[in-house]
Amino acid sequence: MKLNDKQVDDLAKLLGGVALASVIGLAIAISGHGEDISRSDKLGLAIGFSFCTMAMLILRKGR
């Protein structure tokens, strides 16, 4: 599927927002404010941040 520049930009912004949300959640979890957050939840947040950031950079590079 071919995306135009506006669609790529909007998708990259969306991925950036999701990455930002996951890194904020991870920071809260690590700081101890979320007492009932398990180790696997923290790992999921870290993987989500990594995946969204990489996908955003790949989309931006392809332009």
Protein backbone atom coordinates (compact mmCIF):
# COMPACT_ATOMS: atom_id res chain seq x y z
CA MET A 1 0.00 0.00 0.00
CA LYS A 2 1.39 3.37 -1.01
CA LEU A 3 0.93 6.21 1.46
CA ASN A 4 1.18 9.86 0.60
CA ASP A 5 3.32 12.29 2.63
CA LYS A 6 0.47 13.50 4.85
CA GLN A 7 -0.52 9.95 5.76
CA VAL A 8 3.08 9.04 6.59
CA ASP A 9 3.42 12.16 8.72
CA ASP A 10 0.16 11.44 10.57
CA LEU A 11 1.15 7.82 11.17
CA ALA A 12 4.57 8.90 12.47
CA LYS A 13 2.89 11.38 14.84
CA LEU A 14 0.56 8.65 16.10
CA LEU A 15 3.47 6.28 16.72
CA GLY A 16 5.35 9.07 18.47
CA GLY A 17 2.40 9.65 20.78
CA VAL A 18 2.13 5.97 21.63
CA ALA A 19 5.89 5.81 22.28
CA LEU A 20 5.66 8.85 24.54
CA ALA A 21 2.77 7.32 26.48
CA SER A 22 4.62 4.06 27.00
CA VAL A 23 7.82 5.76 28.18
CA ILE A 24 5.82 7.88 30.64
CA GLY A 25 4.09 4.74 31.92
CA LEU A 26 7.45 3.01 32.24
CA ALA A 27 8.90 5.96 34.18
CA ILE A 28 5.96 5.89 36.58
CA ALA A 29 6.29 2.12 37.00
CA ILE A 30 10.02 2.29 37.68
CA SER A 31 9.69 5.18 40.13
CA GLY A 32 7.49 3.06 42.39
CA HIS A 33 4.24 4.99 42.10
CA GLY A 34 2.57 1.99 40.48
CA GLU A 35 2.91 -0.62 43.20
CA ASP A 36 0.97 -3.39 41.46
CA ILE A 37 2.77 -3.18 38.10
CA SER A 38 4.51 -6.47 37.39
CA ARG A 39 7.88 -7.02 35.79
CA SER A 40 6.21 -8.31 32.60
CA ASP A 41 4.12 -5.13 32.36
CA LYS A 42 7.30 -3.05 32.57
CA LEU A 43 8.89 -5.22 29.90
CA GLY A 44 5.84 -4.74 27.67
CA LEU A 45 6.05 -0.98 28.05
CA ALA A 46 9.74 -1.01 27.17
CA ILE A 47 9.16 -3.22 24.12
CA GLY A 48 6.22 -1.04 23.03
CA PHE A 49 8.34 2.07 23.29
CA SER A 50 11.15 0.48 21.30
CA PHE A 51 8.85 -0.85 18.59
CA CYS A 52 6.96 2.42 18.13
CA THR A 53 10.15 4.47 18.03
CA MET A 54 11.78 2.17 15.48
CA ALA A 55 8.66 2.11 13.29
CA MET A 56 8.43 5.91 13.43
CA LEU A 57 12.07 6.30 12.41
CA ILE A 58 11.70 3.81 9.56
CA LEU A 59 8.63 5.65 8.27
CA ARG A 60 10.42 8.99 8.43
CA LYS A 61 13.52 7.60 6.69
CA GLY A 62 11.48 6.31 3.77
CA ARG A 63 10.27 9.79 2.81
